[in-house]
Structures are given as structure tokens and as C-alpha cells.
């Protein structure tokens, strides 16, 4: 690779590694597998960096991560894909940083309640069907717009809007069913 390709990779991909890792973690369900997916995704992105035309680098890279994640899951978990693994408290805290818990709770009771709520929300999200969960995670955790989600998932914008609406409805029903 040329020096220009390395510089372009540094400019387009490296700033998005955390975002890619969070998506890979949601797809695979654990940190070790997410690291494997990210390593492969970065290699794919590096090899394809010269073919990237000017456009939305964020959507381009997250598409690579998504596709790499799904192919990795097919190779390593061919019989059943399990996305709803219980996360260790440290992993859950890492996922929730800056999203579900925007501020640190002020009292120990508030901390316990916040942790319980974050766990219930994470469990409800993990219980969603894969297309709904994927759209919701890309929108709420990664802040992608409808067009970007459509680009990453290769579906029309109307489908993205429908999946988000259904995902939110499922979440509301699930959380209401849990009695809160």
C-alpha cells in the first residue's frame, strides 16, 4: 500500500474504530468475538481504501463492520446465532457509557436503580428480532440518520423507518410487560 492509502485509512477508518467495535459487539454478543470481527473489518477496509469514492465514510466503514460481523457469525456459529448473551457488568457499563446513563447517579439507591434500568433496557434490546435491533442500535447508539442506516443495511429508507417504529413499539411493550 502506498503512503497515501495509509494516510487515507488513518483519516477515514481510525476515528471510527470505537463505533465499529460497539456495532461488532452488538452483533456478536461478546468482546472477544467483536475484537476478531474488528480486526477482519479493518483489514477489509484497508484493502478497499483506494476504491472508496468520496462519500459517507462512516456508513462505508460500518457497512464493512456489519458485513464482516455477519460473515464471521456464519463461519463461527453456523447452527444458531445467539445475540442475547448475558453481559458482565463491566461490558454492560462499557456499552452504556454515554448512551443509556448520561450522568452518574447521585446516590447509591439511584445507582442501583439506574443499573437495573440499563440492564432491563439492554435485555429488551437483545430480545428484539435482528433487523429491528440492528436498526435501533445504529440509530440510538451510533446516532446514524435514516439514510445512513439504509446505506449500511442495504434496505430502503421506508424499511428503516418501519423497523425503528416496530423496534420502539416492541421495547415499550416488553418494558410495560415487565411491570414498569
N, C-alpha and C. Protein backbone atom coordinates (compact mmCIF):
# COMPACT_ATOMS: atom_id res chain seq x y z
N UNK A 1 0.84 -1.18 0.00
CA UNK A 1 0.00 0.00 0.00
C UNK A 1 0.89 1.25 0.00
N UNK A 2 0.36 2.25 -0.58
CA UNK A 2 1.10 3.49 -0.66
C UNK A 2 0.95 4.31 0.61
N UNK A 3 1.78 5.30 0.73
CA UNK A 3 1.70 6.20 1.87
C UNK A 3 0.37 6.94 1.85
N UNK A 4 -0.13 7.25 0.66
CA UNK A 4 -1.41 7.92 0.52
C UNK A 4 -2.55 7.04 1.05
N UNK A 5 -2.48 5.74 0.76
CA UNK A 5 -3.50 4.81 1.24
C UNK A 5 -3.46 4.72 2.76
N UNK A 6 -2.27 4.69 3.34
CA UNK A 6 -2.15 4.65 4.80
C UNK A 6 -2.72 5.91 5.43
N UNK A 7 -2.43 7.04 4.83
CA UNK A 7 -2.94 8.31 5.35
C UNK A 7 -4.46 8.36 5.24
N UNK A 8 -4.97 7.88 4.13
CA UNK A 8 -6.42 7.87 3.93
C UNK A 8 -7.10 6.93 4.93
N UNK A 9 -6.50 5.77 5.17
CA UNK A 9 -7.03 4.84 6.17
C UNK A 9 -7.05 5.50 7.54
N UNK A 10 -5.97 6.18 7.88
CA UNK A 10 -5.89 6.87 9.17
C UNK A 10 -6.97 7.94 9.29
N UNK A 11 -7.25 8.61 8.21
CA UNK A 11 -8.24 9.69 8.22
C UNK A 11 -9.67 9.16 8.24
N UNK A 12 -9.96 8.10 7.47
CA UNK A 12 -11.33 7.64 7.30
C UNK A 12 -11.75 6.55 8.28
N UNK A 13 -10.86 5.66 8.65
CA UNK A 13 -11.23 4.49 9.45
C UNK A 13 -10.87 4.63 10.92
N UNK A 14 -9.67 5.04 11.21
CA UNK A 14 -9.22 5.06 12.61
C UNK A 14 -10.13 5.87 13.54
N UNK A 15 -10.67 7.01 13.12
CA UNK A 15 -11.56 7.74 14.03
C UNK A 15 -12.88 7.01 14.31
N UNK A 16 -13.18 5.98 13.56
CA UNK A 16 -14.45 5.27 13.69
C UNK A 16 -14.30 3.88 14.33
N UNK A 17 -13.14 3.58 14.87
CA UNK A 17 -12.90 2.26 15.44
C UNK A 17 -13.81 1.97 16.63
N UNK A 18 -14.00 2.94 17.51
CA UNK A 18 -14.87 2.71 18.67
C UNK A 18 -16.30 2.42 18.23
N UNK A 19 -16.76 3.17 17.27
CA UNK A 19 -18.12 2.97 16.76
C UNK A 19 -18.25 1.59 16.13
N UNK A 20 -17.26 1.22 15.34
CA UNK A 20 -17.27 -0.09 14.71
C UNK A 20 -17.25 -1.21 15.74
N UNK A 21 -16.43 -1.02 16.78
CA UNK A 21 -16.35 -2.03 17.83
C UNK A 21 -17.70 -2.19 18.54
N UNK A 22 -18.37 -1.08 18.85
CA UNK A 22 -19.68 -1.17 19.51
C UNK A 22 -20.68 -1.93 18.64
N UNK A 23 -20.65 -1.68 17.33
CA UNK A 23 -21.55 -2.41 16.43
C UNK A 23 -21.18 -3.89 16.40
N UNK A 24 -19.90 -4.19 16.30
CA UNK A 24 -19.45 -5.58 16.28
C UNK A 24 -19.83 -6.29 17.58
N UNK A 25 -19.73 -5.57 18.70
CA UNK A 25 -20.09 -6.15 19.99
C UNK A 25 -21.58 -6.47 20.03
N UNK A 26 -22.41 -5.58 19.52
CA UNK A 26 -23.85 -5.84 19.49
C UNK A 26 -24.18 -7.03 18.58
N UNK A 27 -23.44 -7.16 17.49
CA UNK A 27 -23.71 -8.27 16.57
C UNK A 27 -23.27 -9.61 17.14
N UNK A 28 -22.10 -9.64 17.77
CA UNK A 28 -21.55 -10.92 18.23
C UNK A 28 -21.95 -11.27 19.64
N UNK A 29 -22.20 -10.26 20.47
CA UNK A 29 -22.62 -10.52 21.83
C UNK A 29 -21.51 -10.61 22.85
N UNK A 30 -20.25 -10.54 22.43
CA UNK A 30 -19.18 -10.52 23.43
C UNK A 30 -17.93 -9.82 22.89
N UNK A 31 -17.10 -9.41 23.82
CA UNK A 31 -15.95 -8.57 23.49
C UNK A 31 -14.90 -9.28 22.65
N UNK A 32 -14.61 -10.52 22.96
CA UNK A 32 -13.57 -11.26 22.23
C UNK A 32 -13.94 -11.43 20.77
N UNK A 33 -15.17 -11.84 20.51
CA UNK A 33 -15.62 -12.01 19.13
C UNK A 33 -15.67 -10.66 18.40
N UNK A 34 -16.06 -9.61 19.10
CA UNK A 34 -16.10 -8.28 18.50
C UNK A 34 -14.70 -7.84 18.08
N UNK A 35 -13.71 -8.17 18.88
CA UNK A 35 -12.33 -7.83 18.52
C UNK A 35 -11.90 -8.58 17.26
N UNK A 36 -12.27 -9.85 17.15
CA UNK A 36 -11.96 -10.62 15.94
C UNK A 36 -12.63 -10.00 14.72
N UNK A 37 -13.89 -9.62 14.86
CA UNK A 37 -14.63 -9.01 13.75
C UNK A 37 -13.98 -7.69 13.36
N UNK A 38 -13.60 -6.89 14.34
CA UNK A 38 -12.99 -5.60 14.05
C UNK A 38 -11.64 -5.75 13.35
N UNK A 39 -10.88 -6.73 13.77
CA UNK A 39 -9.59 -6.95 13.12
C UNK A 39 -9.79 -7.29 11.64
N UNK A 40 -10.73 -8.18 11.37
CA UNK A 40 -11.02 -8.56 9.99
C UNK A 40 -11.62 -7.39 9.21
N UNK A 41 -12.51 -6.62 9.84
CA UNK A 41 -13.14 -5.48 9.18
C UNK A 41 -12.10 -4.41 8.83
N UNK A 42 -11.17 -4.18 9.73
CA UNK A 42 -10.12 -3.19 9.46
C UNK A 42 -9.24 -3.64 8.30
N UNK A 43 -8.94 -4.91 8.27
CA UNK A 43 -8.15 -5.44 7.16
C UNK A 43 -8.90 -5.26 5.84
N UNK A 44 -10.20 -5.56 5.84
CA UNK A 44 -11.01 -5.37 4.63
C UNK A 44 -11.06 -3.90 4.22
N UNK A 45 -11.24 -3.04 5.19
CA UNK A 45 -11.30 -1.60 4.90
C UNK A 45 -9.96 -1.12 4.36
N UNK A 46 -8.86 -1.60 4.92
CA UNK A 46 -7.53 -1.19 4.46
C UNK A 46 -7.30 -1.61 3.02
N UNK A 47 -7.74 -2.83 2.71
CA UNK A 47 -7.57 -3.32 1.34
C UNK A 47 -8.44 -2.57 0.34
N UNK A 48 -9.58 -2.07 0.81
CA UNK A 48 -10.53 -1.40 -0.09
C UNK A 48 -10.45 0.12 -0.04
N UNK A 49 -9.52 0.67 0.73
CA UNK A 49 -9.48 2.11 0.94
C UNK A 49 -9.26 2.88 -0.36
N UNK A 50 -8.52 2.32 -1.28
CA UNK A 50 -8.25 3.01 -2.53
C UNK A 50 -9.48 3.03 -3.45
N UNK A 51 -10.41 2.12 -3.22
CA UNK A 51 -11.61 2.09 -4.07
C UNK A 51 -12.75 2.93 -3.49
N UNK A 52 -12.57 3.44 -2.28
CA UNK A 52 -13.62 4.25 -1.66
C UNK A 52 -13.70 5.59 -2.36
N UNK A 53 -14.87 5.85 -2.94
CA UNK A 53 -15.12 7.14 -3.57
C UNK A 53 -15.57 8.11 -2.49
N UNK A 54 -15.38 9.36 -2.72
CA UNK A 54 -15.80 10.36 -1.73
C UNK A 54 -17.28 10.15 -1.42
N UNK A 55 -17.61 10.18 -0.17
CA UNK A 55 -18.98 9.95 0.28
C UNK A 55 -18.99 9.84 1.78
N UNK A 56 -19.91 9.06 2.28
CA UNK A 56 -20.09 8.91 3.72
C UNK A 56 -19.17 7.81 4.24
N UNK A 57 -18.02 8.21 4.76
CA UNK A 57 -17.03 7.25 5.24
C UNK A 57 -17.55 6.46 6.43
N UNK A 58 -18.34 7.10 7.26
CA UNK A 58 -18.90 6.43 8.44
C UNK A 58 -19.79 5.27 8.04
N UNK A 59 -20.72 5.54 7.12
CA UNK A 59 -21.61 4.48 6.65
C UNK A 59 -20.82 3.40 5.91
N UNK A 60 -19.81 3.80 5.14
CA UNK A 60 -18.99 2.84 4.40
C UNK A 60 -18.30 1.88 5.37
N UNK A 61 -17.67 2.44 6.43
CA UNK A 61 -16.96 1.59 7.37
C UNK A 61 -17.91 0.72 8.19
N UNK A 62 -19.02 1.29 8.66
CA UNK A 62 -19.96 0.49 9.43
C UNK A 62 -20.59 -0.62 8.59
N UNK A 63 -20.74 -0.38 7.30
CA UNK A 63 -21.22 -1.44 6.40
C UNK A 63 -20.21 -2.58 6.35
N UNK A 64 -18.94 -2.23 6.28
CA UNK A 64 -17.89 -3.25 6.28
C UNK A 64 -17.92 -4.03 7.59
N UNK A 65 -18.06 -3.32 8.72
CA UNK A 65 -18.11 -3.99 10.02
C UNK A 65 -19.33 -4.91 10.08
N UNK A 66 -20.47 -4.42 9.65
CA UNK A 66 -21.71 -5.21 9.67
C UNK A 66 -21.55 -6.48 8.82
N UNK A 67 -21.10 -6.31 7.60
CA UNK A 67 -20.95 -7.47 6.71
C UNK A 67 -19.91 -8.45 7.23
N UNK A 68 -18.82 -7.92 7.77
CA UNK A 68 -17.79 -8.78 8.35
C UNK A 68 -18.36 -9.53 9.55
N UNK A 69 -19.13 -8.83 10.36
CA UNK A 69 -19.74 -9.47 11.53
C UNK A 69 -20.65 -10.62 11.15
N UNK A 70 -21.49 -10.39 10.14
CA UNK A 70 -22.40 -11.46 9.72
C UNK A 70 -21.64 -12.63 9.09
N UNK A 71 -20.60 -12.34 8.29
CA UNK A 71 -19.85 -13.47 7.74
C UNK A 71 -19.07 -14.21 8.81
N UNK A 72 -18.55 -13.47 9.79
CA UNK A 72 -17.84 -14.11 10.91
C UNK A 72 -18.80 -15.01 11.68
N UNK A 73 -20.02 -14.52 11.94
CA UNK A 73 -21.00 -15.32 12.66
C UNK A 73 -21.36 -16.59 11.88
N UNK A 74 -21.48 -16.48 10.58
CA UNK A 74 -21.79 -17.66 9.76
C UNK A 74 -20.69 -18.70 9.85
N UNK A 75 -19.44 -18.23 9.83
CA UNK A 75 -18.31 -19.17 9.90
C UNK A 75 -18.13 -19.78 11.28
N UNK A 76 -18.35 -19.00 12.33
CA UNK A 76 -18.05 -19.46 13.67
C UNK A 76 -19.24 -19.95 14.48
N UNK A 77 -20.43 -19.62 14.04
CA UNK A 77 -21.64 -20.08 14.71
C UNK A 77 -22.67 -20.49 13.66
N UNK A 78 -22.36 -21.54 12.91
CA UNK A 78 -23.22 -21.90 11.78
C UNK A 78 -24.61 -22.41 12.15
N UNK A 79 -24.78 -23.01 13.30
CA UNK A 79 -26.08 -23.61 13.62
C UNK A 79 -27.06 -22.60 14.19
N UNK A 80 -26.62 -21.81 15.10
CA UNK A 80 -27.51 -20.85 15.73
C UNK A 80 -26.73 -19.61 16.12
N UNK A 81 -27.30 -18.46 15.86
CA UNK A 81 -26.69 -17.21 16.25
C UNK A 81 -27.41 -16.74 17.51
N UNK A 82 -26.65 -16.59 18.57
CA UNK A 82 -27.23 -16.17 19.83
C UNK A 82 -26.73 -14.76 20.11
N UNK A 83 -27.65 -13.81 20.12
CA UNK A 83 -27.28 -12.43 20.36
C UNK A 83 -27.59 -12.00 21.79
N UNK A 84 -28.35 -12.77 22.53
CA UNK A 84 -28.82 -12.33 23.83
C UNK A 84 -28.01 -12.90 24.98
N UNK A 85 -26.71 -12.88 24.84
CA UNK A 85 -25.87 -13.36 25.93
C UNK A 85 -25.91 -12.38 27.09
N UNK A 86 -25.81 -12.89 28.27
CA UNK A 86 -25.74 -12.01 29.44
C UNK A 86 -24.36 -11.37 29.45
N UNK A 87 -24.34 -10.07 29.61
CA UNK A 87 -23.08 -9.35 29.63
C UNK A 87 -22.58 -9.20 31.06
N UNK A 88 -21.29 -9.22 31.21
CA UNK A 88 -20.68 -8.93 32.50
C UNK A 88 -20.95 -7.46 32.82
N UNK A 89 -21.02 -7.12 34.08
CA UNK A 89 -21.30 -5.71 34.43
C UNK A 89 -20.32 -4.73 33.78
N UNK A 90 -19.05 -5.11 33.67
CA UNK A 90 -18.05 -4.22 33.05
C UNK A 90 -18.37 -4.00 31.58
N UNK A 91 -18.74 -5.07 30.87
CA UNK A 91 -19.08 -4.94 29.45
C UNK A 91 -20.34 -4.12 29.27
N UNK A 92 -21.31 -4.35 30.13
CA UNK A 92 -22.56 -3.58 30.05
C UNK A 92 -22.28 -2.10 30.30
N UNK A 93 -21.43 -1.81 31.27
CA UNK A 93 -21.08 -0.41 31.56
C UNK A 93 -20.38 0.24 30.37
N UNK A 94 -19.50 -0.54 29.71
CA UNK A 94 -18.81 0.00 28.54
C UNK A 94 -19.79 0.30 27.42
N UNK A 95 -20.77 -0.55 27.22
CA UNK A 95 -21.77 -0.31 26.18
C UNK A 95 -22.64 0.89 26.51
N UNK A 96 -22.96 1.03 27.77
CA UNK A 96 -23.88 2.08 28.18
C UNK A 96 -23.22 3.44 28.34
N UNK A 97 -21.91 3.46 28.33
CA UNK A 97 -21.21 4.72 28.57
C UNK A 97 -21.63 5.76 27.54
N UNK A 98 -22.16 6.83 28.03
CA UNK A 98 -22.54 7.92 27.15
C UNK A 98 -23.84 7.72 26.42
N UNK A 99 -24.55 6.65 26.66
CA UNK A 99 -25.81 6.45 25.95
C UNK A 99 -26.96 6.30 26.92
N UNK A 100 -27.08 5.15 27.56
CA UNK A 100 -28.19 4.93 28.48
C UNK A 100 -28.02 5.75 29.75
N UNK A 101 -26.81 5.77 30.28
CA UNK A 101 -26.55 6.52 31.50
C UNK A 101 -25.73 7.76 31.14
N UNK A 102 -26.39 8.86 30.91
CA UNK A 102 -25.70 10.07 30.51
C UNK A 102 -24.95 10.70 31.68
N UNK A 103 -25.47 10.58 32.90
CA UNK A 103 -24.83 11.16 34.07
C UNK A 103 -24.69 10.09 35.15
N UNK A 104 -23.70 10.27 36.00
CA UNK A 104 -23.55 9.34 37.12
C UNK A 104 -24.66 9.63 38.14
N UNK A 105 -25.31 8.59 38.65
CA UNK A 105 -26.34 8.81 39.66
C UNK A 105 -25.74 9.43 40.92
N UNK A 106 -26.56 10.15 41.66
CA UNK A 106 -26.07 10.88 42.82
C UNK A 106 -26.03 10.04 44.09
N UNK A 107 -26.92 9.07 44.25
CA UNK A 107 -26.96 8.29 45.49
C UNK A 107 -26.77 6.81 45.17
N UNK A 108 -26.40 6.01 46.17
CA UNK A 108 -26.27 4.57 45.93
C UNK A 108 -27.59 3.94 45.45
N UNK A 109 -28.72 4.40 46.00
CA UNK A 109 -30.01 3.86 45.57
C UNK A 109 -30.27 4.20 44.11
N UNK A 110 -29.94 5.44 43.73
CA UNK A 110 -30.12 5.86 42.34
C UNK A 110 -29.20 5.06 41.42
N UNK A 111 -28.00 4.75 41.91
CA UNK A 111 -27.06 3.96 41.10
C UNK A 111 -27.62 2.55 40.86
N UNK A 112 -28.19 1.95 41.90
CA UNK A 112 -28.78 0.62 41.74
C UNK A 112 -29.96 0.64 40.79
N UNK A 113 -30.80 1.64 40.93
CA UNK A 113 -31.97 1.76 40.05
C UNK A 113 -31.51 1.97 38.61
N UNK A 114 -30.54 2.85 38.41
CA UNK A 114 -30.04 3.12 37.06
C UNK A 114 -29.43 1.87 36.44
N UNK A 115 -28.67 1.13 37.24
CA UNK A 115 -28.06 -0.09 36.73
C UNK A 115 -29.12 -1.12 36.36
N UNK A 116 -30.13 -1.24 37.19
CA UNK A 116 -31.23 -2.16 36.91
C UNK A 116 -31.97 -1.76 35.64
N UNK A 117 -32.24 -0.47 35.49
CA UNK A 117 -32.94 0.02 34.30
C UNK A 117 -32.11 -0.21 33.04
N UNK A 118 -30.80 0.06 33.13
CA UNK A 118 -29.91 -0.15 31.98
C UNK A 118 -29.88 -1.63 31.60
N UNK A 119 -29.86 -2.49 32.60
CA UNK A 119 -29.87 -3.94 32.33
C UNK A 119 -31.16 -4.39 31.69
N UNK A 120 -32.28 -3.85 32.18
CA UNK A 120 -33.58 -4.21 31.59
C UNK A 120 -33.67 -3.72 30.15
N UNK A 121 -33.19 -2.51 29.91
CA UNK A 121 -33.22 -1.97 28.55
C UNK A 121 -32.32 -2.78 27.63
N UNK A 122 -31.13 -3.11 28.10
CA UNK A 122 -30.22 -3.93 27.29
C UNK A 122 -30.85 -5.29 26.98
N UNK A 123 -31.46 -5.90 27.98
CA UNK A 123 -32.14 -7.18 27.76
C UNK A 123 -33.28 -7.07 26.78
N UNK A 124 -34.04 -5.99 26.88
CA UNK A 124 -35.16 -5.79 25.95
C UNK A 124 -34.65 -5.57 24.52
N UNK A 125 -33.56 -4.84 24.38
CA UNK A 125 -32.98 -4.63 23.05
C UNK A 125 -32.45 -5.95 22.49
N UNK A 126 -31.80 -6.73 23.32
CA UNK A 126 -31.25 -8.02 22.87
C UNK A 126 -32.36 -8.99 22.46
N UNK A 127 -33.55 -8.82 23.01
CA UNK A 127 -34.66 -9.72 22.69
C UNK A 127 -35.35 -9.35 21.37
N UNK A 128 -35.02 -8.21 20.80
CA UNK A 128 -35.64 -7.79 19.54
C UNK A 128 -35.19 -8.69 18.40
N UNK A 129 -36.03 -8.86 17.38
CA UNK A 129 -35.56 -9.56 16.18
C UNK A 129 -34.36 -8.81 15.59
N UNK A 130 -33.46 -9.53 14.96
CA UNK A 130 -32.19 -8.97 14.49
C UNK A 130 -32.37 -7.71 13.63
N UNK A 131 -33.26 -7.69 12.63
CA UNK A 131 -33.36 -6.47 11.82
C UNK A 131 -33.80 -5.25 12.63
N UNK A 132 -34.69 -5.44 13.59
CA UNK A 132 -35.16 -4.34 14.43
C UNK A 132 -34.04 -3.87 15.35
N UNK A 133 -33.34 -4.83 15.97
CA UNK A 133 -32.25 -4.49 16.89
C UNK A 133 -31.16 -3.75 16.14
N UNK A 134 -30.83 -4.22 14.96
CA UNK A 134 -29.77 -3.60 14.17
C UNK A 134 -30.11 -2.14 13.86
N UNK A 135 -31.33 -1.89 13.39
CA UNK A 135 -31.74 -0.52 13.07
C UNK A 135 -31.72 0.36 14.32
N UNK A 136 -32.21 -0.17 15.42
CA UNK A 136 -32.28 0.60 16.66
C UNK A 136 -30.88 0.92 17.19
N UNK A 137 -29.99 -0.04 17.18
CA UNK A 137 -28.63 0.17 17.66
C UNK A 137 -27.91 1.20 16.80
N UNK A 138 -28.07 1.09 15.47
CA UNK A 138 -27.42 2.05 14.58
C UNK A 138 -27.96 3.47 14.80
N UNK A 139 -29.24 3.57 15.08
CA UNK A 139 -29.85 4.89 15.29
C UNK A 139 -29.54 5.46 16.67
N UNK A 140 -29.82 4.70 17.71
CA UNK A 140 -29.74 5.22 19.07
C UNK A 140 -28.34 5.17 19.68
N UNK A 141 -27.57 4.15 19.37
CA UNK A 141 -26.24 4.03 19.97
C UNK A 141 -25.16 4.66 19.10
N UNK A 142 -25.39 4.65 17.77
CA UNK A 142 -24.39 5.20 16.87
C UNK A 142 -24.80 6.54 16.29
N UNK A 143 -26.06 6.92 16.47
CA UNK A 143 -26.52 8.23 16.00
C UNK A 143 -26.61 8.38 14.50
N UNK A 144 -26.75 7.28 13.77
CA UNK A 144 -26.86 7.36 12.33
C UNK A 144 -28.25 7.87 11.94
N UNK A 145 -28.31 8.60 10.84
CA UNK A 145 -29.58 9.05 10.29
C UNK A 145 -30.23 7.94 9.49
N UNK A 146 -31.47 8.16 9.08
CA UNK A 146 -32.20 7.15 8.32
C UNK A 146 -31.47 6.77 7.03
N UNK A 147 -30.97 7.75 6.32
CA UNK A 147 -30.26 7.46 5.06
C UNK A 147 -29.01 6.61 5.32
N UNK A 148 -28.28 6.95 6.37
CA UNK A 148 -27.07 6.19 6.69
C UNK A 148 -27.42 4.76 7.08
N UNK A 149 -28.46 4.58 7.86
CA UNK A 149 -28.88 3.22 8.24
C UNK A 149 -29.29 2.45 7.01
N UNK A 150 -30.02 3.10 6.10
CA UNK A 150 -30.44 2.45 4.86
C UNK A 150 -29.22 2.03 4.05
N UNK A 151 -28.22 2.88 4.02
CA UNK A 151 -27.00 2.57 3.29
C UNK A 151 -26.25 1.40 3.93
N UNK A 152 -26.12 1.41 5.25
CA UNK A 152 -25.39 0.36 5.97
C UNK A 152 -26.10 -0.98 5.83
N UNK A 153 -27.42 -0.99 5.94
CA UNK A 153 -28.17 -2.25 5.94
C UNK A 153 -28.68 -2.66 4.57
N UNK A 154 -28.48 -1.81 3.57
CA UNK A 154 -28.92 -2.09 2.19
C UNK A 154 -30.42 -2.33 2.08
N UNK A 155 -31.20 -1.49 2.75
CA UNK A 155 -32.65 -1.55 2.65
C UNK A 155 -33.16 -0.14 2.38
N UNK A 156 -34.38 0.01 1.84
CA UNK A 156 -34.93 1.34 1.59
C UNK A 156 -35.16 2.11 2.89
N UNK A 157 -35.20 3.43 2.77
CA UNK A 157 -35.41 4.29 3.95
C UNK A 157 -36.74 3.97 4.61
N UNK A 158 -37.76 3.68 3.83
CA UNK A 158 -39.06 3.33 4.41
C UNK A 158 -38.97 2.10 5.29
N UNK A 159 -38.17 1.14 4.90
CA UNK A 159 -37.98 -0.06 5.70
C UNK A 159 -37.27 0.28 7.01
N UNK A 160 -36.29 1.17 6.93
CA UNK A 160 -35.58 1.61 8.14
C UNK A 160 -36.56 2.26 9.10
N UNK A 161 -37.39 3.15 8.58
CA UNK A 161 -38.37 3.85 9.43
C UNK A 161 -39.34 2.86 10.05
N UNK A 162 -39.78 1.90 9.27
CA UNK A 162 -40.71 0.88 9.77
C UNK A 162 -40.04 0.03 10.85
N UNK A 163 -38.81 -0.39 10.61
CA UNK A 163 -38.10 -1.21 11.59
C UNK A 163 -37.88 -0.46 12.89
N UNK A 164 -37.54 0.82 12.79
CA UNK A 164 -37.35 1.61 14.00
C UNK A 164 -38.65 1.76 14.78
N UNK A 165 -39.73 2.03 14.07
CA UNK A 165 -41.03 2.17 14.74
C UNK A 165 -41.42 0.86 15.42
N UNK A 166 -41.25 -0.24 14.73
CA UNK A 166 -41.59 -1.54 15.31
C UNK A 166 -40.67 -1.89 16.47
N UNK A 167 -39.40 -1.58 16.34
CA UNK A 167 -38.46 -1.86 17.44
C UNK A 167 -38.85 -1.08 18.68
N UNK A 168 -39.17 0.18 18.50
CA UNK A 168 -39.57 1.00 19.65
C UNK A 168 -40.86 0.48 20.27
N UNK A 169 -41.80 0.06 19.42
CA UNK A 169 -43.06 -0.48 19.93
C UNK A 169 -42.82 -1.77 20.72
N UNK A 170 -41.98 -2.64 20.18
CA UNK A 170 -41.63 -3.88 20.90
C UNK A 170 -40.98 -3.57 22.24
N UNK A 171 -40.08 -2.58 22.25
CA UNK A 171 -39.43 -2.21 23.50
C UNK A 171 -40.44 -1.71 24.53
N UNK A 172 -41.34 -0.83 24.09
CA UNK A 172 -42.36 -0.32 25.01
C UNK A 172 -43.22 -1.45 25.57
N UNK A 173 -43.63 -2.37 24.69
CA UNK A 173 -44.45 -3.49 25.13
C UNK A 173 -43.69 -4.38 26.11
N UNK A 174 -42.44 -4.65 25.80
CA UNK A 174 -41.63 -5.51 26.66
C UNK A 174 -41.41 -4.89 28.03
N UNK A 175 -41.08 -3.60 28.03
CA UNK A 175 -40.83 -2.91 29.29
C UNK A 175 -42.12 -2.77 30.10
N UNK A 176 -43.25 -2.55 29.43
CA UNK A 176 -44.54 -2.46 30.12
C UNK A 176 -44.93 -3.83 30.71
N UNK A 177 -44.61 -4.86 29.97
CA UNK A 177 -44.90 -6.23 30.41
C UNK A 177 -44.11 -6.58 31.67
N UNK A 178 -42.92 -6.03 31.77
CA UNK A 178 -42.08 -6.25 32.95
C UNK A 178 -42.60 -5.50 34.17
N UNK A 179 -43.67 -4.73 33.96
CA UNK A 179 -44.32 -4.09 35.10
C UNK A 179 -43.86 -2.68 35.39
N UNK A 180 -43.21 -2.04 34.43
CA UNK A 180 -42.74 -0.67 34.69
C UNK A 180 -43.11 0.22 33.55
